Amino acid sequence: MGYYTNMLKDTAVLKTVNGSDADGRPNIVALDEIDCKIEFKNAITTNSSGEEVVSNGRLYTESVVKTGDIIELKDKEYKVVNVNPYYPIDSSLFVINEVYFA
């Protein structure tokens, strides 16, 4: 049980991606149901290439998520465009990730 667990009331499916196949489709290596807090709100964020992109929303989770992974919410898939980790002041053991998706 993590530091933020009591605030993560939503769930999503995290599809961990490792590269792409010969056809250019994402190579999904793992499927996990994660606890999270979802906010659907358009926002401007910076992706891993340094470009500004408009995200459809963001979620907060204690799970490990990286740019390029896929988040499935209510039977719709979104690509992770940015991840910001936040560490609480009183403990560096627990981290919450702010995940922007588009």
Protein backbone atom coordinates (compact mmCIF):
# COMPACT_ATOMS: atom_id res chain seq x y z
CA MET A 1 0.00 0.00 0.00
CA GLY A 2 1.47 3.28 -1.13
CA TYR A 3 1.35 6.82 0.09
CA TYR A 4 -1.39 7.89 -2.35
CA THR A 5 -3.38 4.63 -2.62
CA ASN A 6 -6.49 6.00 -0.89
CA MET A 7 -6.83 8.75 -3.55
CA LEU A 8 -6.59 6.43 -6.57
CA LYS A 9 -10.24 5.44 -7.02
CA ASP A 10 -10.30 4.88 -10.82
CA THR A 11 -8.84 2.02 -12.86
CA ALA A 12 -7.28 1.83 -16.30
CA VAL A 13 -5.51 -0.79 -18.40
CA LEU A 14 -1.82 -0.08 -18.95
CA LYS A 15 -0.35 -1.62 -22.09
CA THR A 16 3.43 -1.55 -21.76
CA VAL A 17 5.05 -0.99 -25.16
CA ASN A 18 8.54 -2.05 -26.23
CA GLY A 19 9.21 -0.75 -29.74
CA SER A 20 7.09 -1.65 -32.74
CA ASP A 21 6.59 -4.64 -35.01
CA ALA A 22 7.40 -4.89 -38.74
CA ASP A 23 4.11 -3.16 -39.64
CA GLY A 24 4.81 -0.19 -37.33
CA ARG A 25 2.25 -1.20 -34.71
CA PRO A 26 3.26 -0.96 -31.04
CA ASN A 27 4.75 -4.17 -29.60
CA ILE A 28 2.74 -4.68 -26.38
CA VAL A 29 4.75 -6.71 -23.86
CA ALA A 30 2.48 -6.48 -20.79
CA LEU A 31 -1.12 -5.72 -19.81
CA ASP A 32 -1.87 -4.51 -16.28
CA GLU A 33 -4.90 -3.02 -14.58
CA ILE A 34 -3.71 -0.02 -12.58
CA ASP A 35 -5.28 2.11 -9.88
CA CYS A 36 -5.30 5.77 -10.81
CA LYS A 37 -7.06 9.13 -10.59
CA ILE A 38 -8.25 10.25 -14.05
CA GLU A 39 -8.86 13.84 -15.16
CA PHE A 40 -10.18 14.49 -18.68
CA LYS A 41 -8.98 18.00 -19.46
CA ASN A 42 -7.15 19.33 -22.50
CA ALA A 43 -3.74 20.71 -21.60
CA ILE A 44 -0.56 21.66 -23.40
CA THR A 45 2.43 19.53 -22.40
CA THR A 46 5.85 18.72 -23.80
CA ASN A 47 6.52 15.25 -25.21
CA SER A 48 9.81 13.34 -25.06
CA SER A 49 10.99 15.05 -28.27
CA GLY A 50 10.54 18.50 -26.75
CA GLU A 51 7.50 19.34 -28.87
CA GLU A 52 4.37 20.89 -27.40
CA VAL A 53 1.31 18.65 -27.74
CA VAL A 54 -2.28 18.93 -26.59
CA SER A 55 -3.24 16.10 -24.26
CA ASN A 56 -6.77 14.76 -23.82
CA GLY A 57 -6.25 14.36 -20.11
CA ARG A 58 -3.99 13.13 -17.38
CA LEU A 59 -3.98 10.52 -14.70
CA TYR A 60 -2.10 10.01 -11.48
CA THR A 61 -0.80 6.56 -10.55
CA GLU A 62 1.83 4.83 -8.43
CA SER A 63 2.46 2.35 -11.26
CA VAL A 64 5.49 2.61 -13.52
CA VAL A 65 4.45 4.23 -16.81
CA LYS A 66 6.68 5.49 -19.61
CA THR A 67 6.23 7.68 -22.66
CA GLY A 68 4.92 5.63 -25.59
CA ASP A 69 2.88 3.22 -23.46
CA ILE A 70 -0.86 2.89 -24.13
CA ILE A 71 -3.61 3.61 -21.60
CA GLU A 72 -7.05 2.07 -22.17
CA LEU A 73 -9.95 3.95 -20.57
CA LYS A 74 -13.55 2.92 -21.16
CA ASP A 75 -12.68 0.87 -24.29
CA LYS A 76 -10.69 3.73 -25.86
CA GLU A 77 -6.91 3.73 -26.23
CA TYR A 78 -4.68 6.73 -25.57
CA LYS A 79 -0.94 7.10 -26.09
CA VAL A 80 1.16 8.35 -23.17
CA VAL A 81 2.87 11.59 -24.27
CA ASN A 82 4.52 12.73 -21.01
CA VAL A 83 5.21 11.38 -17.52
CA ASN A 84 6.22 13.53 -14.54
CA PRO A 85 7.20 11.75 -11.30
CA TYR A 86 6.48 13.48 -7.98
CA TYR A 87 8.01 12.50 -4.66
CA PRO A 88 6.35 13.44 -1.36
CA ILE A 89 8.40 15.66 0.92
CA ASP A 90 8.27 13.29 3.88
CA SER A 91 9.26 10.10 2.05
CA SER A 92 11.21 9.40 -1.13
CA LEU A 93 10.05 5.75 -1.18
CA PHE A 94 6.65 6.45 -2.69
CA VAL A 95 6.24 8.23 -5.98
CA ILE A 96 3.17 9.38 -7.85
CA ASN A 97 3.37 9.71 -11.62
CA GLU A 98 1.46 12.42 -13.47
CA VAL A 99 0.74 10.84 -16.87
CA TYR A 100 -0.47 12.93 -19.82
CA PHE A 101 -2.25 11.04 -22.62
CA ALA A 102 -3.53 11.93 -26.07
